[in-house]
Every structure is written in structure tokens, then in C-alpha cells.
Amino acid sequence: MPQRRLWENVSLLDSLTDNRLLNAGIQSPVRGAFFETEAAGLQAARILRDQGMLLFPVFYPIIAKGKAMLRFAISASHGDKDIRLLGEALAAMTSKGLWTPAINQLDHA
């Protein structure tokens, strides 16, 4: 049962973000959002943390110098509300120009 709930949560986040996160569509509970600058990634991390979300910012040398990525670990204990809150927050960042989800992941490697 917990495994099924985990993959339902992962699928919901993929759906809410139109499969534009790192690892979207694969069987992994980890997703990532790339940002064009470290400053944008830090700003996004602060916004999400202020909303009560735990995430893991990643910078050089893990990804390209000057870029940022936020990693999210989805679990079976997250409720639909939690996943929807993250999806809505990422959508709001997109509409404000903070996150551009169509960026090619290879540009950030």
C-alpha cells in the first residue's frame, strides 16, 4: 500500500508540472527543478521553505557553474494537498518568470 501511494504522489507531481522536472516519468521519488542562476534557485528555495516545504538546493560542482537545482524527495506520507501545494508554487514561479521549466537538463550538467 505505501508503495502504491508513493507512485501515485510522484505521478501527481509529474502531472501538475507537465513532466518538466528532472526524472519526470521515471520510477524515482526524486524530482529536480533547474534554475538559470544561483540567485533564482536560492529565491525559489526561500519561497518554498516559507510555505513549509523541505527541499534540497544543489549548486556547482554538482550542476553547471552559476546554475541551481532544487531537489524534491516525494514520499508515501505526503498528502495530495502537499503535492498540489508544490505544483501550485512551481506554477506561480513560472508565471513570475522565476522558473522556466522548459530548460534542457543537459544545459545544467
C-alpha atoms as a PDB file:
ATOM      1  CA  MET A   1       0.000   0.000   0.000  1.00  0.00           C
ATOM      2  CA  PRO A   2       2.704   2.606   0.841  1.00  0.00           C
ATOM      3  CA  GLN A   3       4.500   1.840  -2.436  1.00  0.00           C
ATOM      4  CA  ARG A   4       1.329   2.462  -4.402  1.00  0.00           C
ATOM      5  CA  ARG A   5       0.762   5.756  -2.551  1.00  0.00           C
ATOM      6  CA  LEU A   6       4.347   6.828  -3.271  1.00  0.00           C
ATOM      7  CA  TRP A   7       3.977   6.293  -7.021  1.00  0.00           C
ATOM      8  CA  GLU A   8       0.570   7.998  -7.016  1.00  0.00           C
ATOM      9  CA  ASN A   9       2.204  11.043  -5.393  1.00  0.00           C
ATOM     10  CA  VAL A  10       5.069  11.026  -7.895  1.00  0.00           C
ATOM     11  CA  SER A  11       2.618  10.708 -10.779  1.00  0.00           C
ATOM     12  CA  LEU A  12       0.525  13.594  -9.433  1.00  0.00           C
ATOM     13  CA  LEU A  13       3.564  15.891  -9.244  1.00  0.00           C
ATOM     14  CA  ASP A  14       4.623  14.895 -12.759  1.00  0.00           C
ATOM     15  CA  SER A  15       1.115  15.700 -13.969  1.00  0.00           C
ATOM     16  CA  LEU A  16       0.987  19.059 -12.175  1.00  0.00           C
ATOM     17  CA  THR A  17       4.343  20.081 -13.650  1.00  0.00           C
ATOM     18  CA  ASP A  18       3.668  18.703 -17.139  1.00  0.00           C
ATOM     19  CA  ASN A  19       6.588  16.257 -16.769  1.00  0.00           C
ATOM     20  CA  ARG A  20       9.090  19.130 -16.784  1.00  0.00           C
ATOM     21  CA  LEU A  21      11.073  18.212 -13.673  1.00  0.00           C
ATOM     22  CA  LEU A  22      14.278  16.200 -13.646  1.00  0.00           C
ATOM     23  CA  ASN A  23      13.427  12.463 -13.508  1.00  0.00           C
ATOM     24  CA  ALA A  24       9.830  13.095 -14.618  1.00  0.00           C
ATOM     25  CA  GLY A  25       8.182   9.972 -15.925  1.00  0.00           C
ATOM     26  CA  ILE A  26      10.647   7.527 -14.396  1.00  0.00           C
ATOM     27  CA  GLN A  27      10.217   5.408 -11.292  1.00  0.00           C
ATOM     28  CA  SER A  28      12.168   7.563  -8.880  1.00  0.00           C
ATOM     29  CA  PRO A  29      10.795   9.539  -5.927  1.00  0.00           C
ATOM     30  CA  VAL A  30      13.299  12.337  -6.528  1.00  0.00           C
ATOM     31  CA  ARG A  31      12.481  15.271  -8.809  1.00  0.00           C
ATOM     32  CA  GLY A  32      14.501  18.373  -9.634  1.00  0.00           C
ATOM     33  CA  ALA A  33      13.761  21.874 -10.883  1.00  0.00           C
ATOM     34  CA  PHE A  34      16.581  23.699 -12.686  1.00  0.00           C
ATOM     35  CA  PHE A  35      17.108  27.442 -12.393  1.00  0.00           C
ATOM     36  CA  GLU A  36      19.106  29.691 -14.698  1.00  0.00           C
ATOM     37  CA  THR A  37      21.000  31.358 -11.835  1.00  0.00           C
ATOM     38  CA  GLU A  38      22.064  30.504  -8.303  1.00  0.00           C
ATOM     39  CA  ALA A  39      20.187  33.601  -7.100  1.00  0.00           C
ATOM     40  CA  ALA A  40      16.941  32.405  -8.708  1.00  0.00           C
ATOM     41  CA  GLY A  41      17.375  28.977  -7.131  1.00  0.00           C
ATOM     42  CA  LEU A  42      18.002  30.480  -3.698  1.00  0.00           C
ATOM     43  CA  GLN A  43      14.995  32.771  -4.051  1.00  0.00           C
ATOM     44  CA  ALA A  44      12.807  29.818  -5.039  1.00  0.00           C
ATOM     45  CA  ALA A  45      14.150  27.760  -2.124  1.00  0.00           C
ATOM     46  CA  ARG A  46      13.251  30.569   0.299  1.00  0.00           C
ATOM     47  CA  ILE A  47       9.743  30.887  -1.162  1.00  0.00           C
ATOM     48  CA  LEU A  48       9.111  27.155  -0.869  1.00  0.00           C
ATOM     49  CA  ARG A  49      10.591  26.905   2.626  1.00  0.00           C
ATOM     50  CA  ASP A  50       8.445  29.845   3.756  1.00  0.00           C
ATOM     51  CA  GLN A  51       5.476  27.725   2.648  1.00  0.00           C
ATOM     52  CA  GLY A  52       6.710  24.857   4.834  1.00  0.00           C
ATOM     53  CA  MET A  53       8.328  22.712   2.143  1.00  0.00           C
ATOM     54  CA  LEU A  54      11.584  20.851   2.680  1.00  0.00           C
ATOM     55  CA  LEU A  55      13.849  20.761  -0.357  1.00  0.00           C
ATOM     56  CA  PHE A  56      17.495  20.395  -1.206  1.00  0.00           C
ATOM     57  CA  PRO A  57      19.263  23.122  -3.229  1.00  0.00           C
ATOM     58  CA  VAL A  58      22.098  21.925  -5.466  1.00  0.00           C
ATOM     59  CA  PHE A  59      24.882  24.053  -6.942  1.00  0.00           C
ATOM     60  CA  TYR A  60      28.268  23.717  -8.645  1.00  0.00           C
ATOM     61  CA  PRO A  61      30.088  21.283  -8.863  1.00  0.00           C
ATOM     62  CA  ILE A  62      27.021  19.009  -8.894  1.00  0.00           C
ATOM     63  CA  ILE A  63      25.499  21.048 -11.729  1.00  0.00           C
ATOM     64  CA  ALA A  64      26.887  23.723 -14.071  1.00  0.00           C
ATOM     65  CA  LYS A  65      28.600  26.732 -12.544  1.00  0.00           C
ATOM     66  CA  GLY A  66      26.222  29.637 -11.960  1.00  0.00           C
ATOM     67  CA  LYS A  67      23.076  27.438 -12.168  1.00  0.00           C
ATOM     68  CA  ALA A  68      20.894  25.964  -9.439  1.00  0.00           C
ATOM     69  CA  MET A  69      18.632  22.985  -8.978  1.00  0.00           C
ATOM     70  CA  LEU A  70      16.103  22.273  -6.273  1.00  0.00           C
ATOM     71  CA  ARG A  71      15.607  18.594  -5.469  1.00  0.00           C
ATOM     72  CA  PHE A  72      12.377  17.276  -4.040  1.00  0.00           C
ATOM     73  CA  ALA A  73      12.024  13.873  -2.377  1.00  0.00           C
ATOM     74  CA  ILE A  74       8.445  12.656  -2.641  1.00  0.00           C
ATOM     75  CA  SER A  75       7.184  10.147  -0.080  1.00  0.00           C
ATOM     76  CA  ALA A  76       4.130   7.999   0.532  1.00  0.00           C
ATOM     77  CA  SER A  77       3.332  10.113   3.589  1.00  0.00           C
ATOM     78  CA  HIS A  78       2.796  13.263   1.556  1.00  0.00           C
ATOM     79  CA  GLY A  79      -0.877  14.027   1.079  1.00  0.00           C
ATOM     80  CA  ASP A  80      -2.470  15.261  -2.153  1.00  0.00           C
ATOM     81  CA  LYS A  81      -2.582  18.717  -0.570  1.00  0.00           C
ATOM     82  CA  ASP A  82       1.220  18.680  -0.095  1.00  0.00           C
ATOM     83  CA  ILE A  83       1.887  17.664  -3.690  1.00  0.00           C
ATOM     84  CA  ARG A  84      -0.622  20.182  -5.049  1.00  0.00           C
ATOM     85  CA  LEU A  85       0.932  22.952  -2.942  1.00  0.00           C
ATOM     86  CA  LEU A  86       4.329  22.249  -4.522  1.00  0.00           C
ATOM     87  CA  GLY A  87       2.848  22.086  -8.021  1.00  0.00           C
ATOM     88  CA  GLU A  88       0.998  25.379  -7.491  1.00  0.00           C
ATOM     89  CA  ALA A  89       4.109  27.055  -6.072  1.00  0.00           C
ATOM     90  CA  LEU A  90       6.182  25.990  -9.087  1.00  0.00           C
ATOM     91  CA  ALA A  91       3.436  27.214 -11.433  1.00  0.00           C
ATOM     92  CA  ALA A  92       3.432  30.578  -9.642  1.00  0.00           C
ATOM     93  CA  MET A  93       7.217  30.795 -10.039  1.00  0.00           C
ATOM     94  CA  THR A  94       6.798  30.117 -13.747  1.00  0.00           C
ATOM     95  CA  SER A  95       4.204  32.867 -14.158  1.00  0.00           C
ATOM     96  CA  LYS A  96       6.501  35.308 -12.320  1.00  0.00           C
ATOM     97  CA  GLY A  97       9.447  34.333 -14.528  1.00  0.00           C
ATOM     98  CA  LEU A  98      11.492  32.829 -11.701  1.00  0.00           C
ATOM     99  CA  TRP A  99      11.393  29.245 -13.028  1.00  0.00           C
ATOM    100  CA  THR A 100      11.496  28.303 -16.711  1.00  0.00           C
ATOM    101  CA  PRO A 101      10.678  24.597 -16.722  1.00  0.00           C
ATOM    102  CA  ALA A 102      11.301  24.052 -20.429  1.00  0.00           C
ATOM    103  CA  ILE A 103      15.066  24.387 -19.960  1.00  0.00           C
ATOM    104  CA  ASN A 104      17.095  21.455 -21.290  1.00  0.00           C
ATOM    105  CA  GLN A 105      18.571  19.451 -18.408  1.00  0.00           C
ATOM    106  CA  LEU A 106      21.779  18.924 -20.369  1.00  0.00           C
ATOM    107  CA  ASP A 107      22.455  22.667 -20.230  1.00  0.00           C
ATOM    108  CA  HIS A 108      22.817  22.300 -16.471  1.00  0.00           C
ATOM    109  CA  ALA A 109      25.056  19.252 -16.294  1.00  0.00           C
END
